[in-house]
Amino acid sequence: MGATRRRSRGGRPGRLAAQLIGLAVLATACAESGAVGRYNRDACRLANDSTVVFNGIRDYLMSAEPTPQRFLYVPGTDSSPPDAGILALQDKGPTYMYPASGDQQAVVKTKLASIGDFASLLVAYHGFQRKDPQHGTIRLSGTYISGKQDGKTIPVRDVPLECDSAGWHGPKPVIKLAAPPTPPPGASH
């Protein structure tokens, strides 16, 4: 006896299954964008201020010119960053406490100079405000304490923060492209 062969009825069940699978994939994709949006809103809304401050100070440091390589803060004052801000400083590089009195400041500056001629930024915190669940502003300023920029100040600046699928962050950096080189006079193309 030979093997019995099953036949499909004109290919309809296979085609119907493929159409149903396609419809299910499409429905899932459409529903997912709403779910992702809700997740982003909830994650932003539920993020504590420490998370927002940490990311805001980190982005502020990355935008400073020249790029600081060491960080300082004055502890115990109203311009001292909160704990999350100090963690952001430590996350970016060596971090030192800077004394409020002039005599002790000279000692710290001498110590920093003996370690190397690196740009060291004293960061001052001036507050944080959440405008809505997905937007906030952190106020910061800074002064370079050592290196070639010693004494240069960064005035108080409001750093806008926003939350999206990438989490809390400052403004996206603008990438400036260089113009193409111009050929010397008399050069042929």
Protein backbone atom coordinates (compact mmCIF):
# COMPACT_ATOMS: atom_id res chain seq x y z
CA MET A 1 0.00 0.00 0.00
CA GLY A 2 1.27 3.42 -0.88
CA ALA A 3 1.47 6.51 1.31
CA THR A 4 -1.63 8.64 1.31
CA ARG A 5 -1.09 12.17 0.18
CA ARG A 6 -3.07 15.01 1.70
CA ARG A 7 -4.11 17.80 -0.52
CA SER A 8 -4.93 21.32 0.50
CA ARG A 9 -8.13 22.77 -0.74
CA GLY A 10 -6.81 25.13 -3.34
CA GLY A 11 -4.21 26.58 -0.94
CA ARG A 12 -6.85 28.51 0.99
CA PRO A 13 -5.98 27.43 4.57
CA GLY A 14 -2.29 28.35 4.08
CA ARG A 15 -3.11 31.71 2.55
CA LEU A 16 -5.68 32.50 5.26
CA ALA A 17 -3.15 31.63 7.99
CA ALA A 18 -0.56 33.94 6.39
CA GLN A 19 -3.09 36.76 6.20
CA LEU A 20 -4.08 36.28 9.84
CA ILE A 21 -0.44 36.29 10.94
CA GLY A 22 0.17 39.47 8.92
CA LEU A 23 -2.87 41.12 10.48
CA ALA A 24 -1.70 40.13 13.98
CA VAL A 25 1.78 41.57 13.34
CA LEU A 26 0.28 44.82 12.04
CA ALA A 27 -2.07 45.10 15.03
CA THR A 28 0.81 44.49 17.44
CA ALA A 29 2.98 47.13 15.74
CA CYS A 30 0.19 49.70 15.90
CA ALA A 31 -0.56 48.94 19.54
CA GLU A 32 3.13 48.99 20.44
CA SER A 33 3.64 52.66 19.53
CA GLY A 34 0.90 53.61 21.99
CA ALA A 35 2.35 51.31 24.62
CA VAL A 36 5.86 52.75 24.13
CA GLY A 37 4.46 56.27 24.45
CA ARG A 38 2.64 55.36 27.66
CA TYR A 39 5.74 53.66 29.04
CA ASN A 40 7.87 56.74 28.25
CA ARG A 41 5.38 59.08 29.91
CA ASP A 42 5.14 56.88 33.00
CA ALA A 43 8.91 56.34 33.23
CA CYS A 44 9.50 60.09 32.92
CA ARG A 45 6.78 60.97 35.40
CA LEU A 46 7.93 58.40 37.95
CA ALA A 47 11.66 59.20 37.69
CA ASN A 48 12.81 60.82 40.92
CA ASP A 49 14.51 64.20 40.90
CA SER A 50 17.88 62.57 41.66
CA THR A 51 17.82 60.83 38.30
CA VAL A 52 17.02 64.06 36.50
CA VAL A 53 19.68 66.08 38.37
CA PHE A 54 22.34 63.41 37.72
CA ASN A 55 21.66 63.43 33.97
CA GLY A 56 21.38 67.23 33.82
CA ILE A 57 24.74 67.81 35.50
CA ARG A 58 26.37 65.11 33.37
CA ASP A 59 25.13 66.77 30.17
CA TYR A 60 26.20 70.22 31.44
CA LEU A 61 29.73 68.92 32.00
CA MET A 62 29.88 67.38 28.53
CA SER A 63 28.93 70.72 26.96
CA ALA A 64 31.49 72.82 28.89
CA GLU A 65 34.30 74.38 26.83
CA PRO A 66 37.07 73.56 27.32
CA THR A 67 36.17 70.05 28.40
CA PRO A 68 36.90 69.77 32.12
CA GLN A 69 39.02 66.85 33.24
CA ARG A 70 38.67 67.33 37.01
CA PHE A 71 35.71 68.56 39.04
CA LEU A 72 35.29 70.48 42.26
CA TYR A 73 32.41 71.57 44.47
CA VAL A 74 32.10 73.51 47.71
CA PRO A 75 30.45 71.22 50.28
CA GLY A 76 27.87 72.41 52.76
CA THR A 77 26.75 75.56 50.95
CA ASP A 78 23.60 76.51 49.06
CA SER A 79 25.54 76.18 45.79
CA SER A 80 26.73 72.66 46.58
CA PRO A 81 25.20 70.10 44.20
CA PRO A 82 22.84 67.55 45.78
CA ASP A 83 24.15 64.01 46.26
CA ALA A 84 23.05 62.97 42.77
CA GLY A 85 24.98 65.91 41.32
CA ILE A 86 28.13 64.93 43.20
CA LEU A 87 27.75 61.40 41.85
CA ALA A 88 27.52 62.87 38.32
CA LEU A 89 30.79 64.76 38.93
CA GLN A 90 32.47 61.60 40.21
CA ASP A 91 31.13 59.66 37.24
CA LYS A 92 32.87 62.06 34.82
CA GLY A 93 36.27 62.15 36.50
CA PRO A 94 38.34 62.92 39.60
CA THR A 95 36.29 65.04 41.99
CA TYR A 96 37.54 67.22 44.84
CA MET A 97 35.93 69.25 47.60
CA TYR A 98 36.90 72.91 47.36
CA PRO A 99 37.06 74.90 50.60
CA ALA A 100 35.08 78.09 51.06
CA SER A 101 37.97 80.00 52.70
CA GLY A 102 40.74 81.68 50.69
CA ASP A 103 43.71 80.20 52.58
CA GLN A 104 42.58 76.64 52.06
CA GLN A 105 41.72 77.33 48.40
CA ALA A 106 45.38 78.16 47.73
CA VAL A 107 46.40 74.81 49.22
CA VAL A 108 43.98 72.93 46.95
CA LYS A 109 45.08 74.91 43.86
CA THR A 110 48.73 74.09 44.62
CA LYS A 111 47.86 70.41 45.00
CA LEU A 112 45.93 70.41 41.71
CA ALA A 113 48.85 72.09 39.91
CA SER A 114 51.29 69.50 41.30
CA ILE A 115 49.16 66.68 39.85
CA GLY A 116 49.07 68.20 36.37
CA ASP A 117 47.89 71.11 34.26
CA PHE A 118 44.33 69.87 33.67
CA ALA A 119 41.17 71.91 33.24
CA SER A 120 39.43 71.72 36.63
CA LEU A 121 35.88 73.02 36.88
CA LEU A 122 34.27 74.19 40.13
CA VAL A 123 30.55 73.50 39.65
CA ALA A 124 27.91 75.58 41.41
CA TYR A 125 24.32 74.35 41.65
CA HIS A 126 21.50 76.91 41.61
CA GLY A 127 18.44 74.66 41.64
CA PHE A 128 16.21 72.34 39.67
CA GLN A 129 12.62 72.74 38.57
CA ARG A 130 10.34 70.22 36.88
CA LYS A 131 8.03 72.02 34.45
CA ASP A 132 5.90 68.97 33.67
CA PRO A 133 6.41 65.18 33.75
CA GLN A 134 8.69 65.29 30.68
CA HIS A 135 10.49 68.66 30.98
CA GLY A 136 12.67 70.33 33.56
CA THR A 137 15.42 72.90 34.01
CA ILE A 138 18.59 72.76 36.08
CA ARG A 139 20.53 75.96 36.86
CA LEU A 140 24.32 75.65 37.00
CA SER A 141 27.43 77.79 36.75
CA GLY A 142 31.13 77.09 36.94
CA THR A 143 34.61 78.50 37.33
CA TYR A 144 37.80 76.94 36.04
CA ILE A 145 40.19 76.61 38.99
CA SER A 146 43.36 75.39 37.30
CA GLY A 147 44.82 74.77 33.88
CA LYS A 148 45.14 77.24 31.05
CA GLN A 149 41.59 78.51 31.65
CA ASP A 150 42.18 79.28 35.36
CA GLY A 151 39.71 81.98 36.42
CA LYS A 152 37.39 81.64 33.41
CA THR A 153 33.77 81.60 34.53
CA ILE A 154 30.71 80.00 33.01
CA PRO A 155 27.79 82.26 33.96
CA VAL A 156 24.62 80.87 35.52
CA ARG A 157 22.85 78.93 32.82
CA ASP A 158 19.48 77.23 32.63
CA VAL A 159 20.01 73.78 31.13
CA PRO A 160 16.75 72.50 29.63
CA LEU A 161 16.07 68.81 30.23
CA GLU A 162 13.60 66.54 28.54
CA CYS A 163 12.56 62.94 28.86
CA ASP A 164 11.81 60.62 25.96
CA SER A 165 12.48 56.99 25.05
CA ALA A 166 16.18 57.60 25.76
CA GLY A 167 15.45 58.80 29.31
CA TRP A 168 16.25 62.20 30.82
CA HIS A 169 18.83 64.28 28.97
CA GLY A 170 19.86 67.79 28.05
CA PRO A 171 19.74 69.26 24.57
CA LYS A 172 21.15 67.07 21.83
CA PRO A 173 24.58 68.32 20.75
CA VAL A 174 24.70 70.06 17.41
CA ILE A 175 27.28 68.55 15.11
CA LYS A 176 28.93 71.21 13.01
CA LEU A 177 30.26 69.99 9.71
CA ALA A 178 33.29 71.65 8.23
CA ALA A 179 32.93 73.27 4.83
CA PRO A 180 34.66 71.42 2.01
CA PRO A 181 38.15 72.69 1.29
CA THR A 182 38.39 75.35 -1.37
CA PRO A 183 40.84 74.62 -4.17
CA PRO A 184 43.79 76.98 -4.52
CA PRO A 185 43.42 79.75 -7.12
CA GLY A 186 44.16 78.57 -10.62
CA ALA A 187 43.53 74.90 -9.83
CA SER A 188 41.42 73.07 -12.37
CA HIS A 189 38.58 70.78 -11.47
